[in-house]
C-alpha atoms as a PDB file:
ATOM      1  CA  UNK A   1      -0.002  -0.016  -0.011  1.00  0.00           C
ATOM      2  CA  UNK A   2       1.196   3.503  -0.721  1.00  0.00           C
ATOM      3  CA  UNK A   3       1.005   6.612   1.491  1.00  0.00           C
ATOM      4  CA  UNK A   4      -1.854   9.046   1.122  1.00  0.00           C
ATOM      5  CA  UNK A   5       0.220  11.668  -0.713  1.00  0.00           C
ATOM      6  CA  UNK A   6       1.289   9.167  -3.381  1.00  0.00           C
ATOM      7  CA  UNK A   7      -2.167   7.724  -3.501  1.00  0.00           C
ATOM      8  CA  UNK A   8      -3.704  11.149  -4.169  1.00  0.00           C
ATOM      9  CA  UNK A   9      -0.996  11.857  -6.751  1.00  0.00           C
ATOM     10  CA  UNK A  10      -1.925   8.678  -8.633  1.00  0.00           C
ATOM     11  CA  UNK A  11      -5.712   9.204  -8.191  1.00  0.00           C
ATOM     12  CA  UNK A  12      -5.387  12.781  -9.577  1.00  0.00           C
ATOM     13  CA  UNK A  13      -4.231  11.394 -12.955  1.00  0.00           C
ATOM     14  CA  UNK A  14      -7.219   8.971 -13.358  1.00  0.00           C
ATOM     15  CA  UNK A  15      -9.472   9.491 -16.433  1.00  0.00           C
ATOM     16  CA  UNK A  16     -11.066   6.024 -16.468  1.00  0.00           C
ATOM     17  CA  UNK A  17     -12.064   3.707 -13.595  1.00  0.00           C
ATOM     18  CA  UNK A  18     -12.742   0.059 -14.515  1.00  0.00           C
ATOM     19  CA  UNK A  19     -14.747  -2.079 -12.037  1.00  0.00           C
ATOM     20  CA  UNK A  20     -15.203  -5.804 -11.821  1.00  0.00           C
ATOM     21  CA  UNK A  21     -18.756  -6.759 -11.055  1.00  0.00           C
ATOM     22  CA  UNK A  22     -19.097  -9.893  -8.890  1.00  0.00           C
ATOM     23  CA  UNK A  23     -17.452  -9.268  -5.561  1.00  0.00           C
ATOM     24  CA  UNK A  24     -16.940  -5.519  -6.259  1.00  0.00           C
ATOM     25  CA  UNK A  25     -20.306  -4.094  -7.335  1.00  0.00           C
ATOM     26  CA  UNK A  26     -22.037  -6.992  -5.612  1.00  0.00           C
ATOM     27  CA  UNK A  27     -21.103  -8.901  -2.504  1.00  0.00           C
ATOM     28  CA  UNK A  28     -20.111 -11.899  -4.734  1.00  0.00           C
ATOM     29  CA  UNK A  29     -23.140 -13.968  -3.964  1.00  0.00           C
ATOM     30  CA  UNK A  30     -25.027 -15.541  -6.834  1.00  0.00           C
ATOM     31  CA  UNK A  31     -28.714 -16.059  -6.295  1.00  0.00           C
ATOM     32  CA  UNK A  32     -30.710 -18.437  -8.598  1.00  0.00           C
ATOM     33  CA  UNK A  33     -34.515 -18.920  -8.833  1.00  0.00           C
ATOM     34  CA  UNK A  34     -36.225 -22.272  -9.329  1.00  0.00           C
ATOM     35  CA  UNK A  35     -36.425 -21.707 -13.093  1.00  0.00           C
ATOM     36  CA  UNK A  36     -32.705 -20.727 -13.306  1.00  0.00           C
ATOM     37  CA  UNK A  37     -33.120 -17.031 -13.314  1.00  0.00           C
ATOM     38  CA  UNK A  38     -30.146 -15.205 -11.739  1.00  0.00           C
ATOM     39  CA  UNK A  39     -30.399 -12.361  -9.190  1.00  0.00           C
ATOM     40  CA  UNK A  40     -27.794  -9.894  -8.051  1.00  0.00           C
ATOM     41  CA  UNK A  41     -27.970  -7.155  -5.386  1.00  0.00           C
ATOM     42  CA  UNK A  42     -26.377  -3.758  -6.143  1.00  0.00           C
ATOM     43  CA  UNK A  43     -25.701  -0.983  -3.546  1.00  0.00           C
ATOM     44  CA  UNK A  44     -27.523   2.260  -4.241  1.00  0.00           C
ATOM     45  CA  UNK A  45     -24.664   4.238  -2.736  1.00  0.00           C
ATOM     46  CA  UNK A  46     -22.248   2.774  -5.308  1.00  0.00           C
ATOM     47  CA  UNK A  47     -24.744   3.785  -7.987  1.00  0.00           C
ATOM     48  CA  UNK A  48     -24.861   7.428  -6.881  1.00  0.00           C
ATOM     49  CA  UNK A  49     -21.041   7.391  -6.650  1.00  0.00           C
ATOM     50  CA  UNK A  50     -20.927   6.315 -10.344  1.00  0.00           C
ATOM     51  CA  UNK A  51     -23.167   9.175 -11.370  1.00  0.00           C
ATOM     52  CA  UNK A  52     -21.229  11.695  -9.317  1.00  0.00           C
ATOM     53  CA  UNK A  53     -17.805  10.610 -10.634  1.00  0.00           C
ATOM     54  CA  UNK A  54     -19.077  10.599 -14.200  1.00  0.00           C
ATOM     55  CA  UNK A  55     -20.415  14.148 -13.716  1.00  0.00           C
ATOM     56  CA  UNK A  56     -16.865  15.248 -13.162  1.00  0.00           C
ATOM     57  CA  UNK A  57     -15.677  13.860 -16.522  1.00  0.00           C
ATOM     58  CA  UNK A  58     -14.122  10.613 -15.327  1.00  0.00           C
ATOM     59  CA  UNK A  59     -15.240   7.617 -17.423  1.00  0.00           C
ATOM     60  CA  UNK A  60     -16.433   4.416 -15.791  1.00  0.00           C
ATOM     61  CA  UNK A  61     -16.238   1.002 -17.390  1.00  0.00           C
ATOM     62  CA  UNK A  62     -16.897  -2.565 -16.310  1.00  0.00           C
ATOM     63  CA  UNK A  63     -15.076  -5.695 -17.276  1.00  0.00           C
ATOM     64  CA  UNK A  64     -16.666  -8.897 -15.909  1.00  0.00           C
ATOM     65  CA  UNK A  65     -15.988 -12.575 -16.452  1.00  0.00           C
ATOM     66  CA  UNK A  66     -19.609 -13.436 -16.190  1.00  0.00           C
ATOM     67  CA  UNK A  67     -22.585 -12.310 -18.392  1.00  0.00           C
ATOM     68  CA  UNK A  68     -25.808 -11.008 -16.998  1.00  0.00           C
ATOM     69  CA  UNK A  69     -28.672  -8.971 -18.513  1.00  0.00           C
ATOM     70  CA  UNK A  70     -29.415  -7.377 -15.082  1.00  0.00           C
ATOM     71  CA  UNK A  71     -25.734  -6.124 -14.918  1.00  0.00           C
ATOM     72  CA  UNK A  72     -26.157  -4.495 -18.369  1.00  0.00           C
ATOM     73  CA  UNK A  73     -29.490  -3.012 -17.433  1.00  0.00           C
ATOM     74  CA  UNK A  74     -28.181  -1.590 -14.084  1.00  0.00           C
ATOM     75  CA  UNK A  75     -25.063  -0.147 -15.625  1.00  0.00           C
ATOM     76  CA  UNK A  76     -26.847   1.459 -18.585  1.00  0.00           C
ATOM     77  CA  UNK A  77     -29.248   3.042 -16.083  1.00  0.00           C
ATOM     78  CA  UNK A  78     -26.222   4.585 -14.334  1.00  0.00           C
ATOM     79  CA  UNK A  79     -24.931   5.969 -17.643  1.00  0.00           C
ATOM     80  CA  UNK A  80     -21.965   3.524 -17.995  1.00  0.00           C
ATOM     81  CA  UNK A  81     -21.173   3.291 -21.686  1.00  0.00           C
ATOM     82  CA  UNK A  82     -18.326   0.704 -21.640  1.00  0.00           C
ATOM     83  CA  UNK A  83     -19.606  -2.639 -20.473  1.00  0.00           C
ATOM     84  CA  UNK A  84     -17.595  -5.779 -21.182  1.00  0.00           C
ATOM     85  CA  UNK A  85     -19.139  -9.018 -20.049  1.00  0.00           C
ATOM     86  CA  UNK A  86     -18.103 -12.592 -20.620  1.00  0.00           C
ATOM     87  CA  UNK A  87     -14.379 -11.618 -20.404  1.00  0.00           C
ATOM     88  CA  UNK A  88     -12.557 -14.578 -18.937  1.00  0.00           C
ATOM     89  CA  UNK A  89      -9.308 -12.952 -19.932  1.00  0.00           C
ATOM     90  CA  UNK A  90      -9.882  -9.258 -19.083  1.00  0.00           C
ATOM     91  CA  UNK A  91      -6.739  -7.916 -20.764  1.00  0.00           C
ATOM     92  CA  UNK A  92      -8.272  -7.953 -24.243  1.00  0.00           C
ATOM     93  CA  UNK A  93     -11.108  -5.683 -23.132  1.00  0.00           C
ATOM     94  CA  UNK A  94      -8.589  -3.560 -21.204  1.00  0.00           C
ATOM     95  CA  UNK A  95      -6.461  -3.096 -24.293  1.00  0.00           C
ATOM     96  CA  UNK A  96      -9.518  -2.219 -26.383  1.00  0.00           C
ATOM     97  CA  UNK A  97     -10.636   0.369 -23.850  1.00  0.00           C
ATOM     98  CA  UNK A  98      -7.161   2.061 -23.825  1.00  0.00           C
ATOM     99  CA  UNK A  99      -7.224   2.167 -27.661  1.00  0.00           C
ATOM    100  CA  UNK A 100     -10.778   3.382 -27.946  1.00  0.00           C
ATOM    101  CA  UNK A 101     -10.285   6.172 -25.351  1.00  0.00           C
ATOM    102  CA  UNK A 102      -6.708   6.843 -26.309  1.00  0.00           C
ATOM    103  CA  UNK A 103      -5.470   6.480 -22.727  1.00  0.00           C
ATOM    104  CA  UNK A 104      -2.274   5.321 -21.107  1.00  0.00           C
ATOM    105  CA  UNK A 105      -2.323   2.717 -18.238  1.00  0.00           C
ATOM    106  CA  UNK A 106      -1.230   5.391 -15.835  1.00  0.00           C
ATOM    107  CA  UNK A 107      -4.543   7.184 -16.412  1.00  0.00           C
ATOM    108  CA  UNK A 108      -6.612   4.169 -15.423  1.00  0.00           C
ATOM    109  CA  UNK A 109      -7.721   2.770 -12.069  1.00  0.00           C
ATOM    110  CA  UNK A 110      -8.902  -0.832 -11.771  1.00  0.00           C
ATOM    111  CA  UNK A 111     -11.046  -2.193  -8.849  1.00  0.00           C
ATOM    112  CA  UNK A 112     -11.086  -5.900  -8.301  1.00  0.00           C
ATOM    113  CA  UNK A 113     -11.549  -8.609  -5.707  1.00  0.00           C
ATOM    114  CA  UNK A 114     -10.156 -11.946  -6.956  1.00  0.00           C
ATOM    115  CA  UNK A 115      -7.388 -13.595  -8.935  1.00  0.00           C
ATOM    116  CA  UNK A 116      -8.749 -12.811 -12.459  1.00  0.00           C
ATOM    117  CA  UNK A 117      -8.343  -9.103 -11.538  1.00  0.00           C
ATOM    118  CA  UNK A 118      -4.691  -9.386 -10.478  1.00  0.00           C
ATOM    119  CA  UNK A 119      -3.044  -8.707 -13.784  1.00  0.00           C
ATOM    120  CA  UNK A 120      -5.010  -5.496 -14.420  1.00  0.00           C
ATOM    121  CA  UNK A 121      -4.478  -4.305 -10.848  1.00  0.00           C
ATOM    122  CA  UNK A 122      -0.753  -4.632 -11.596  1.00  0.00           C
ATOM    123  CA  UNK A 123      -0.902  -2.868 -14.950  1.00  0.00           C
ATOM    124  CA  UNK A 124      -2.907   0.295 -14.246  1.00  0.00           C
ATOM    125  CA  UNK A 125      -1.860   3.536 -12.642  1.00  0.00           C
ATOM    126  CA  UNK A 126      -4.012   2.910  -9.570  1.00  0.00           C
ATOM    127  CA  UNK A 127      -4.777  -0.679  -8.733  1.00  0.00           C
ATOM    128  CA  UNK A 128      -7.456  -1.013  -6.027  1.00  0.00           C
ATOM    129  CA  UNK A 129      -8.985  -3.924  -4.200  1.00  0.00           C
ATOM    130  CA  UNK A 130     -12.049  -4.205  -1.957  1.00  0.00           C
ATOM    131  CA  UNK A 131     -11.743  -4.994   1.735  1.00  0.00           C
ATOM    132  CA  UNK A 132     -12.665  -8.667   1.286  1.00  0.00           C
ATOM    133  CA  UNK A 133     -10.327  -9.237  -1.672  1.00  0.00           C
ATOM    134  CA  UNK A 134      -8.105 -12.283  -2.080  1.00  0.00           C
ATOM    135  CA  UNK A 135      -4.869 -11.760  -0.073  1.00  0.00           C
ATOM    136  CA  UNK A 136      -2.734 -11.782  -3.212  1.00  0.00           C
ATOM    137  CA  UNK A 137      -4.661  -8.749  -4.571  1.00  0.00           C
ATOM    138  CA  UNK A 138      -4.142  -6.974  -1.233  1.00  0.00           C
ATOM    139  CA  UNK A 139      -0.407  -7.530  -1.646  1.00  0.00           C
ATOM    140  CA  UNK A 140      -0.382  -5.958  -5.114  1.00  0.00           C
ATOM    141  CA  UNK A 141      -2.995  -3.234  -4.899  1.00  0.00           C
ATOM    142  CA  UNK A 142      -1.930   0.400  -4.249  1.00  0.00           C
ATOM    143  CA  UNK A 143      -5.021   0.928  -2.084  1.00  0.00           C
ATOM    144  CA  UNK A 144      -7.729  -1.139  -0.391  1.00  0.00           C
ATOM    145  CA  UNK A 145     -11.253   0.118   0.427  1.00  0.00           C
ATOM    146  CA  UNK A 146     -12.590  -0.116   3.943  1.00  0.00           C
ATOM    147  CA  UNK A 147     -15.907  -1.405   2.662  1.00  0.00           C
ATOM    148  CA  UNK A 148     -16.461  -4.898   1.345  1.00  0.00           C
ATOM    149  CA  UNK A 149     -17.518  -5.434  -2.249  1.00  0.00           C
ATOM    150  CA  UNK A 150     -21.246  -4.710  -2.744  1.00  0.00           C
ATOM    151  CA  UNK A 151     -21.365  -2.649   0.484  1.00  0.00           C
ATOM    152  CA  UNK A 152     -20.205   0.779  -0.661  1.00  0.00           C
ATOM    153  CA  UNK A 153     -16.658  -0.080  -1.860  1.00  0.00           C
ATOM    154  CA  UNK A 154     -17.332   1.495  -5.298  1.00  0.00           C
ATOM    155  CA  UNK A 155     -18.594   4.649  -3.662  1.00  0.00           C
ATOM    156  CA  UNK A 156     -15.317   4.880  -1.708  1.00  0.00           C
ATOM    157  CA  UNK A 157     -13.332   4.578  -4.897  1.00  0.00           C
ATOM    158  CA  UNK A 158     -15.369   7.274  -6.652  1.00  0.00           C
ATOM    159  CA  UNK A 159     -15.029   9.681  -3.663  1.00  0.00           C
ATOM    160  CA  UNK A 160     -11.285   8.995  -3.399  1.00  0.00           C
ATOM    161  CA  UNK A 161     -10.755   9.972  -7.034  1.00  0.00           C
ATOM    162  CA  UNK A 162     -12.994  13.110  -6.711  1.00  0.00           C
ATOM    163  CA  UNK A 163     -11.103  14.148  -3.535  1.00  0.00           C
ATOM    164  CA  UNK A 164      -7.739  13.676  -5.235  1.00  0.00           C
ATOM    165  CA  UNK A 165      -8.949  15.602  -8.299  1.00  0.00           C
ATOM    166  CA  UNK A 166     -10.469  18.337  -6.057  1.00  0.00           C
ATOM    167  CA  UNK A 167     -13.923  17.935  -7.555  1.00  0.00           C
ATOM    168  CA  UNK A 168     -15.572  16.432  -4.463  1.00  0.00           C
ATOM    169  CA  UNK A 169     -16.460  19.779  -2.755  1.00  0.00           C
ATOM    170  CA  UNK A 170     -18.303  20.977  -5.873  1.00  0.00           C
ATOM    171  CA  UNK A 171     -20.107  17.678  -6.171  1.00  0.00           C
ATOM    172  CA  UNK A 172     -21.247  17.917  -2.517  1.00  0.00           C
ATOM    173  CA  UNK A 173     -22.166  21.582  -2.905  1.00  0.00           C
ATOM    174  CA  UNK A 174     -25.053  20.742  -5.201  1.00  0.00           C
ATOM    175  CA  UNK A 175     -26.717  18.857  -2.285  1.00  0.00           C
ATOM    176  CA  UNK A 176     -26.294  21.677   0.274  1.00  0.00           C
ATOM    177  CA  UNK A 177     -28.838  24.395   0.865  1.00  0.00           C
ATOM    178  CA  UNK A 178     -27.614  27.716  -0.483  1.00  0.00           C
END
């Protein structure tokens, strides 16, 4: 883990934040109905964090190993344009995002929780893991959230980046009485 000054220096450069889904935007549990339908639970605070961060010009993307219509629906509702699902090897989607958005890895943060996320956490400018991440990710991430995946960790990431980029006070201001 890096100190707060270096963390803020890295976060200040971020133009794109990529999130994993299961275990980061959800608690990692998979719920199945009797007829095989799949259910996921998303945290409303994370959703607002996405909207607030995007309002500052930072792009949000998702790269997930699994495919789910409800993930697509939830993320589109939050204004997320770059949604990559069914990506067992996440590097191809990562490389495509960098090319499409004309970004360098140092301008990207990646948030993960388990071994398929490790390579990207090591490649980006700001590798982040959630509190309940695999121990190997904790060893290699620059920062770890206090919240567990699906319980506000994504909101923490969004607010960290806004704080480092000094956009958080203006974002909060819109909710304060004049």
